[in-house]
Amino acid sequence: MVQERKFSGDNTLYYSITLTVAFLILFFISAITLPFSASAEVIINEIDSSTPGVDNLEFIELYDGGTGNTDLNGLVIVLYNGSSDLSYAAFDLDSYFTNPSGYFVLGNAAVPNVDLIFADNTLQNGADALALYTGDAADFPNGTSVTTTGLIDAVVYDTDDADDPELLILLNQGQPQVNENETGDQDNHSNQRSPNGAGGARNTITYVQLLPSPGTANGEIPPSPPVPDIKANGYDGEISITPPDTINITVSLDPADKKNVICDWWIGALTPYGNFWVDPSLDWIESDIPLSVGQYPLFNLLETSLLTTQLPEGIYTFFYILDDNPNGILDATWYDYVNVISSSYTVPMFESD
């Protein structure tokens, strides 16, 4: 409690104490609010609308360029449905801030680093759009038409859908609609700016499809999977032979980013005369139950011959499977196969009269 002292005829001490207290109050208020920035540019940095299973890992990531602790008061995220080009949801960002690294995540409850939760399976998969505006959710009731008034940033996206011209007005001229399935892996990739935060507001040219990174920097490159390869007489896919020609089965392996990862190894053949499996001694054993070569770390295996033989007539499938859950149960995590058709029948030549 501040006590006021007054002296008759001289108020100098009174005013000095009062001004000092006022200054201290302003100082502490400034100290409390200073870490939060309202001037940093906030943009949409990443969106994942198509996720494995029931779509419970959807999210939208905002980014302030790394400033951190940016006040999001007065901003709103609006979702547009491409089938009608009308809004179907809006989320107020009042009372929220980016984290110290500059990120803010809206998403399903199971999403890492989520700050504002919305229901599972909320985001449409495309062609659709999301936009960041100045305003409130009340300004965008469901069924609101696309507008650029108050628009800060936007992304128009799809999963192998045609472009939506009505939604593309949200972007700067010439900017593309972004395909989350560009790499053929929409469930495991998100649309994200790369390099992280690059491109500028209402520009989508820097969006790529990589592993999701909610609340962290974009740009993680998916690990390259191993490449098992099995060939028949040096060929992949399917070949034909005529008895008594021989067949030579070879295998090779490029472990890529999975080098030294322990896996179940399976090599076998489906034949008209039963199923055969390569055992730990590299012998071919007939069995209706899968037999594993064994559990070994992945390594760079040069082309190695496992079988040279003649094949009776019939269709044969030779396969090479690697399973990164080494429990002795056949799971085809990575695989390759080759079909061999052994037949003495040849297409007759036509003779002209």
Protein backbone atom coordinates (compact mmCIF):
# COMPACT_ATOMS: atom_id res chain seq x y z
CA MET A 1 0.00 0.00 0.00
CA VAL A 2 1.37 3.42 -0.97
CA GLN A 3 1.10 6.00 1.76
CA GLU A 4 0.67 9.63 0.70
CA ARG A 5 2.65 12.17 2.71
CA LYS A 6 1.67 15.82 2.45
CA PHE A 7 3.49 18.79 3.90
CA SER A 8 1.69 22.07 4.26
CA GLY A 9 2.83 24.50 1.67
CA ASP A 10 4.97 21.95 -0.22
CA ASN A 11 3.47 19.11 -2.36
CA THR A 12 6.77 18.21 -4.06
CA LEU A 13 7.22 14.92 -2.21
CA TYR A 14 3.57 13.93 -2.78
CA TYR A 15 3.76 14.44 -6.53
CA SER A 16 7.14 12.70 -6.72
CA ILE A 17 5.86 9.56 -5.01
CA THR A 18 2.66 9.52 -7.10
CA LEU A 19 4.56 9.86 -10.40
CA THR A 20 7.06 7.20 -9.36
CA VAL A 21 4.28 4.72 -8.56
CA ALA A 22 2.54 5.46 -11.88
CA PHE A 23 5.79 4.91 -13.74
CA LEU A 24 6.36 1.58 -12.00
CA ILE A 25 2.84 0.42 -12.85
CA LEU A 26 3.37 1.28 -16.53
CA PHE A 27 6.77 -0.40 -16.46
CA PHE A 28 5.39 -3.67 -15.14
CA ILE A 29 2.47 -3.62 -17.58
CA SER A 30 4.96 -3.13 -20.41
CA ALA A 31 7.15 -5.91 -19.05
CA ILE A 32 4.20 -8.29 -19.01
CA THR A 33 3.01 -7.53 -22.55
CA LEU A 34 6.36 -6.93 -24.24
CA PRO A 35 7.16 -10.58 -25.13
CA PHE A 36 4.04 -10.82 -27.33
CA SER A 37 4.23 -9.41 -30.82
CA ALA A 38 1.22 -8.30 -32.82
CA SER A 39 3.18 -7.03 -35.81
CA ALA A 40 4.68 -10.27 -37.17
CA GLU A 41 3.24 -11.57 -40.45
CA VAL A 42 1.27 -14.75 -39.82
CA ILE A 43 0.78 -17.16 -42.73
CA ILE A 44 -0.59 -20.63 -43.33
CA ASN A 45 2.43 -22.92 -43.34
CA GLU A 46 1.07 -26.47 -43.57
CA ILE A 47 -2.19 -28.41 -43.94
CA ASP A 48 -2.93 -32.12 -43.71
CA SER A 49 -6.48 -32.97 -44.79
CA SER A 50 -6.08 -36.65 -45.74
CA THR A 51 -4.67 -38.89 -43.02
CA PRO A 52 -4.60 -42.66 -42.44
CA GLY A 53 -7.81 -44.40 -41.38
CA VAL A 54 -10.59 -42.23 -39.97
CA ASP A 55 -8.87 -38.86 -40.55
CA ASN A 56 -8.04 -38.13 -36.91
CA LEU A 57 -4.68 -36.48 -37.61
CA GLU A 58 -5.87 -33.49 -39.65
CA PHE A 59 -4.32 -30.12 -38.89
CA ILE A 60 -3.60 -26.58 -40.04
CA GLU A 61 -0.34 -24.91 -39.03
CA LEU A 62 0.22 -21.15 -38.86
CA TYR A 63 3.67 -19.60 -38.70
CA ASP A 64 4.88 -16.11 -37.84
CA GLY A 65 8.30 -16.47 -39.44
CA GLY A 66 9.98 -17.44 -36.17
CA THR A 67 9.18 -14.25 -34.23
CA GLY A 68 7.33 -16.27 -31.60
CA ASN A 69 4.58 -15.37 -29.11
CA THR A 70 2.63 -13.46 -31.75
CA ASP A 71 -0.86 -12.36 -30.67
CA LEU A 72 -3.50 -13.93 -32.94
CA ASN A 73 -6.33 -11.80 -31.59
CA GLY A 74 -8.58 -10.54 -34.39
CA LEU A 75 -7.73 -13.38 -36.78
CA VAL A 76 -10.00 -16.17 -38.03
CA ILE A 77 -9.49 -19.35 -40.06
CA VAL A 78 -12.26 -20.07 -42.60
CA LEU A 79 -12.79 -23.37 -44.45
CA TYR A 80 -14.40 -23.46 -47.91
CA ASN A 81 -16.03 -26.49 -49.55
CA GLY A 82 -15.17 -26.78 -53.23
CA SER A 83 -18.42 -28.55 -54.08
CA SER A 84 -20.38 -25.36 -53.33
CA ASP A 85 -17.60 -22.76 -52.97
CA LEU A 86 -19.19 -21.75 -49.66
CA SER A 87 -17.73 -21.79 -46.15
CA TYR A 88 -18.40 -24.77 -43.88
CA ALA A 89 -16.48 -23.82 -40.71
CA ALA A 90 -14.70 -20.89 -39.07
CA PHE A 91 -12.38 -20.78 -36.05
CA ASP A 92 -11.75 -17.66 -33.96
CA LEU A 93 -8.12 -17.19 -32.90
CA ASP A 94 -8.85 -14.60 -30.21
CA SER A 95 -6.85 -15.14 -26.99
CA TYR A 96 -4.33 -17.40 -28.76
CA PHE A 97 -0.62 -16.83 -29.44
CA THR A 98 1.98 -18.59 -31.53
CA ASN A 99 4.45 -20.59 -29.47
CA PRO A 100 7.99 -19.32 -28.76
CA SER A 101 9.18 -20.85 -32.05
CA GLY A 102 6.41 -19.11 -34.01
CA TYR A 103 3.96 -21.97 -34.66
CA PHE A 104 0.25 -22.38 -33.92
CA VAL A 105 -1.62 -25.60 -34.72
CA LEU A 106 -5.33 -26.18 -35.17
CA GLY A 107 -6.21 -29.84 -35.47
CA ASN A 108 -7.68 -33.06 -34.18
CA ALA A 109 -7.06 -34.05 -30.57
CA ALA A 110 -4.46 -36.69 -31.53
CA VAL A 111 -2.26 -34.25 -33.48
CA PRO A 112 1.09 -33.49 -31.80
CA ASN A 113 1.54 -29.89 -30.59
CA VAL A 114 -2.13 -29.00 -31.21
CA ASP A 115 -3.24 -25.66 -29.72
CA LEU A 116 -6.87 -25.43 -30.87
CA ILE A 117 -8.81 -28.69 -31.26
CA PHE A 118 -11.52 -29.35 -33.84
CA ALA A 119 -13.45 -32.58 -34.44
CA ASP A 120 -11.98 -35.55 -36.30
CA ASN A 121 -12.74 -35.73 -40.02
CA THR A 122 -13.44 -31.99 -40.22
CA LEU A 123 -11.24 -31.01 -43.16
CA GLN A 124 -12.59 -31.73 -46.63
CA ASN A 125 -10.08 -33.49 -48.89
CA GLY A 126 -10.50 -31.25 -51.94
CA ALA A 127 -10.87 -29.49 -54.10
CA ASP A 128 -11.28 -27.17 -51.09
CA ALA A 129 -9.65 -24.17 -49.47
CA LEU A 130 -8.75 -22.61 -46.16
CA ALA A 131 -8.13 -18.93 -45.60
CA LEU A 132 -6.78 -16.68 -42.86
CA TYR A 133 -8.65 -13.39 -42.39
CA THR A 134 -8.79 -10.44 -40.08
CA GLY A 135 -12.18 -10.72 -38.41
CA ASP A 136 -14.23 -13.08 -36.28
CA ALA A 137 -15.99 -16.39 -36.85
CA ALA A 138 -19.29 -14.51 -36.60
CA ASP A 139 -18.33 -12.70 -39.82
CA PHE A 140 -18.25 -16.07 -41.63
CA PRO A 141 -21.36 -18.12 -40.83
CA ASN A 142 -21.58 -21.41 -42.66
CA GLY A 143 -22.60 -20.78 -46.26
CA THR A 144 -20.55 -17.60 -46.68
CA SER A 145 -19.35 -16.99 -50.24
CA VAL A 146 -15.66 -16.77 -51.09
CA THR A 147 -14.29 -13.28 -50.41
CA THR A 148 -10.94 -11.54 -50.46
CA THR A 149 -12.04 -8.81 -48.02
CA GLY A 150 -9.75 -8.95 -45.00
CA LEU A 151 -7.84 -11.85 -46.54
CA ILE A 152 -4.30 -12.45 -45.26
CA ASP A 153 -3.38 -15.85 -46.69
CA ALA A 154 -5.02 -18.90 -48.28
CA VAL A 155 -4.37 -22.37 -49.64
CA VAL A 156 -6.46 -24.11 -52.30
CA TYR A 157 -5.79 -27.82 -52.23
CA ASP A 158 -6.99 -31.20 -53.50
CA THR A 159 -6.30 -34.92 -53.69
CA ASP A 160 -6.12 -35.52 -57.46
CA ASP A 161 -9.11 -33.23 -58.13
CA ALA A 162 -9.62 -30.69 -60.90
CA ASP A 163 -8.80 -27.04 -60.24
CA ASP A 164 -11.56 -24.93 -58.70
CA PRO A 165 -11.51 -21.47 -60.37
CA GLU A 166 -13.94 -19.98 -57.83
CA LEU A 167 -11.60 -20.88 -54.96
CA LEU A 168 -8.41 -19.89 -56.80
CA ILE A 169 -9.37 -16.20 -56.53
CA LEU A 170 -8.14 -16.53 -52.93
CA LEU A 171 -4.58 -16.84 -54.27
CA ASN A 172 -2.36 -14.40 -56.09
CA GLN A 173 -2.70 -14.64 -59.85
CA GLY A 174 -1.00 -17.67 -61.37
CA GLN A 175 -0.53 -19.52 -58.07
CA PRO A 176 -1.37 -23.24 -58.24
CA GLN A 177 -3.91 -25.41 -56.49
CA VAL A 178 -1.89 -27.83 -54.33
CA ASN A 179 -2.30 -31.61 -54.63
CA GLU A 180 -1.72 -33.53 -51.39
CA ASN A 181 -1.50 -36.72 -53.45
CA GLU A 182 1.20 -35.36 -55.78
CA THR A 183 3.58 -38.13 -54.68
CA GLY A 184 0.86 -40.80 -54.52
CA ASP A 185 0.93 -40.92 -50.70
CA GLN A 186 -1.79 -38.51 -49.56
CA ASP A 187 -2.46 -40.36 -46.29
CA ASN A 188 1.14 -40.04 -45.09
CA HIS A 189 2.05 -36.63 -46.53
CA SER A 190 0.90 -33.09 -45.86
CA ASN A 191 0.98 -29.96 -48.01
CA GLN A 192 3.70 -27.72 -46.58
CA ARG A 193 5.85 -24.76 -47.50
CA SER A 194 9.43 -25.71 -48.28
CA PRO A 195 11.78 -24.20 -47.35
CA ASN A 196 9.90 -23.66 -44.10
CA GLY A 197 7.75 -20.50 -44.24
CA ALA A 198 8.80 -19.68 -47.82
CA GLY A 199 6.73 -18.19 -50.61
CA GLY A 200 4.79 -15.35 -49.04
CA ALA A 201 1.11 -14.79 -48.33
CA ARG A 202 -1.39 -16.08 -50.93
CA ASN A 203 1.44 -17.80 -52.83
CA THR A 204 1.42 -21.61 -53.02
CA ILE A 205 4.28 -22.24 -55.44
CA THR A 206 6.58 -23.42 -52.60
CA TYR A 207 4.20 -26.07 -51.26
CA VAL A 208 5.49 -29.64 -51.44
CA GLN A 209 4.28 -32.98 -50.08
CA LEU A 210 6.37 -34.37 -47.22
CA LEU A 211 5.93 -36.08 -43.85
CA PRO A 212 3.64 -34.02 -41.57
CA SER A 213 5.40 -31.72 -39.10
CA PRO A 214 2.74 -29.97 -36.95
CA GLY A 215 4.28 -27.32 -34.70
CA THR A 216 7.81 -27.86 -36.03
CA ALA A 217 9.84 -26.83 -39.06
CA ASN A 218 8.76 -28.16 -42.46
CA GLY A 219 10.99 -29.94 -44.88
CA GLU A 220 11.66 -33.38 -43.41
CA ILE A 221 12.49 -35.64 -46.33
CA PRO A 222 10.78 -39.04 -46.10
CA PRO A 223 13.26 -41.87 -45.61
CA SER A 224 13.96 -43.88 -48.73
CA PRO A 225 12.60 -47.43 -48.47
CA PRO A 226 14.80 -50.45 -49.16
CA VAL A 227 14.60 -51.95 -52.63
CA PRO A 228 14.56 -55.77 -52.73
CA ASP A 229 14.98 -57.05 -56.27
CA ILE A 230 14.41 -60.53 -57.68
CA LYS A 231 15.09 -61.39 -61.31
CA ALA A 232 14.64 -64.35 -63.63
CA ASN A 233 17.39 -64.61 -66.25
CA GLY A 234 18.13 -60.95 -65.54
CA TYR A 235 14.55 -59.77 -66.12
CA ASP A 236 11.92 -58.18 -63.86
CA GLY A 237 8.19 -58.43 -64.23
CA GLU A 238 7.37 -61.42 -66.46
CA ILE A 239 9.34 -63.60 -68.81
CA SER A 240 8.63 -66.72 -70.87
CA ILE A 241 10.89 -69.72 -71.39
CA THR A 242 10.60 -72.87 -73.46
CA PRO A 243 11.62 -76.21 -71.90
CA PRO A 244 14.31 -77.45 -71.64
CA ASP A 245 15.68 -73.90 -71.23
CA THR A 246 16.98 -73.20 -67.75
CA ILE A 247 15.99 -70.38 -65.45
CA ASN A 248 18.36 -68.46 -63.17
CA ILE A 249 16.82 -66.71 -60.14
CA THR A 250 18.89 -63.92 -58.56
CA VAL A 251 18.26 -61.49 -55.69
CA SER A 252 19.83 -58.20 -54.69
CA LEU A 253 19.09 -55.49 -52.12
CA ASP A 254 19.60 -51.76 -51.78
CA PRO A 255 18.91 -51.02 -48.07
CA ALA A 256 18.60 -47.24 -48.70
CA ASP A 257 17.84 -45.46 -45.39
CA LYS A 258 17.02 -48.74 -43.61
CA LYS A 259 20.56 -50.09 -43.48
CA ASN A 260 21.14 -52.33 -40.42
CA VAL A 261 17.41 -52.47 -39.61
CA ILE A 262 16.62 -56.06 -38.61
CA CYS A 263 13.91 -57.67 -40.74
CA ASP A 264 12.36 -61.02 -41.52
CA TRP A 265 13.62 -62.20 -44.91
CA TRP A 266 11.35 -64.30 -47.12
CA ILE A 267 12.24 -65.77 -50.51
CA GLY A 268 10.00 -68.27 -52.23
CA ALA A 269 8.07 -69.49 -55.24
CA LEU A 270 4.44 -70.26 -55.96
CA THR A 271 4.38 -73.12 -58.46
CA PRO A 272 1.90 -75.58 -60.03
CA TYR A 273 3.59 -78.25 -57.93
CA GLY A 274 3.45 -76.60 -54.50
CA ASN A 275 4.90 -73.62 -52.64
CA PHE A 276 8.64 -73.53 -52.05
CA TRP A 277 10.60 -71.41 -49.54
CA VAL A 278 14.30 -70.66 -49.07
CA ASP A 279 15.37 -71.76 -45.59
CA PRO A 280 18.32 -70.45 -43.50
CA SER A 281 20.63 -72.90 -45.34
CA LEU A 282 19.48 -71.36 -48.66
CA ASP A 283 17.82 -74.62 -49.67
CA TRP A 284 14.41 -74.61 -51.39
CA ILE A 285 11.87 -76.38 -49.16
CA GLU A 286 8.32 -77.30 -50.16
CA SER A 287 5.86 -76.11 -47.52
CA ASP A 288 2.30 -74.83 -47.31
CA ILE A 289 3.41 -72.79 -44.27
CA PRO A 290 5.69 -69.78 -44.90
CA LEU A 291 9.32 -70.48 -44.01
CA SER A 292 11.66 -67.56 -43.36
CA VAL A 293 15.25 -67.29 -44.49
CA GLY A 294 15.81 -65.73 -41.07
CA GLN A 295 16.04 -62.41 -39.27
CA TYR A 296 18.94 -60.29 -40.48
CA PRO A 297 19.95 -56.61 -40.65
CA LEU A 298 19.52 -55.02 -44.07
CA PHE A 299 22.72 -54.52 -46.04
CA ASN A 300 23.88 -53.85 -49.58
CA LEU A 301 23.44 -57.25 -51.22
CA LEU A 302 24.96 -57.59 -54.65
CA GLU A 303 23.16 -59.74 -57.20
CA THR A 304 23.30 -63.32 -55.92
CA SER A 305 22.10 -66.48 -57.67
CA LEU A 306 19.78 -68.72 -55.62
CA LEU A 307 18.49 -71.15 -58.23
CA THR A 308 19.43 -72.44 -61.67
CA THR A 309 17.12 -75.13 -62.98
CA GLN A 310 14.77 -76.31 -65.71
CA LEU A 311 11.06 -75.72 -65.10
CA PRO A 312 8.22 -78.02 -66.22
CA GLU A 313 5.45 -76.28 -68.08
CA GLY A 314 3.42 -73.94 -65.94
CA ILE A 315 3.29 -70.47 -64.40
CA TYR A 316 5.70 -69.68 -61.56
CA THR A 317 5.91 -66.64 -59.29
CA PHE A 318 9.21 -66.02 -57.50
CA PHE A 319 9.17 -63.42 -54.71
CA TYR A 320 11.49 -61.63 -52.29
CA ILE A 321 9.92 -60.05 -49.20
CA LEU A 322 11.35 -57.99 -46.33
CA ASP A 323 9.30 -57.47 -43.17
CA ASP A 324 10.37 -54.81 -40.64
CA ASN A 325 8.36 -56.48 -37.88
CA PRO A 326 10.72 -59.42 -37.29
CA ASN A 327 8.41 -61.84 -35.52
CA GLY A 328 8.43 -64.81 -37.89
CA ILE A 329 5.03 -63.84 -39.35
CA LEU A 330 4.86 -62.99 -43.04
CA ASP A 331 4.10 -59.28 -43.53
CA ALA A 332 4.92 -57.82 -46.92
CA THR A 333 6.46 -54.47 -45.94
CA TRP A 334 8.75 -54.30 -48.98
CA TYR A 335 8.70 -56.84 -51.76
CA ASP A 336 9.44 -57.69 -55.37
CA TYR A 337 8.40 -60.57 -57.60
CA VAL A 338 8.86 -61.97 -61.09
CA ASN A 339 6.55 -64.27 -63.07
CA VAL A 340 7.97 -67.04 -65.23
CA ILE A 341 5.84 -68.77 -67.88
CA SER A 342 7.29 -72.08 -68.98
CA SER A 343 5.58 -73.35 -72.12
CA SER A 344 6.50 -75.36 -75.21
CA TYR A 345 3.63 -73.75 -77.15
CA THR A 346 4.70 -71.20 -79.75
CA VAL A 347 2.50 -68.97 -81.90
CA PRO A 348 2.47 -70.43 -85.47
CA MET A 349 3.68 -68.23 -88.29
CA PHE A 350 1.08 -67.29 -90.91
CA GLU A 351 2.00 -68.08 -94.50
CA SER A 352 0.72 -66.13 -97.44
CA ASP A 353 -0.97 -68.00 -100.28
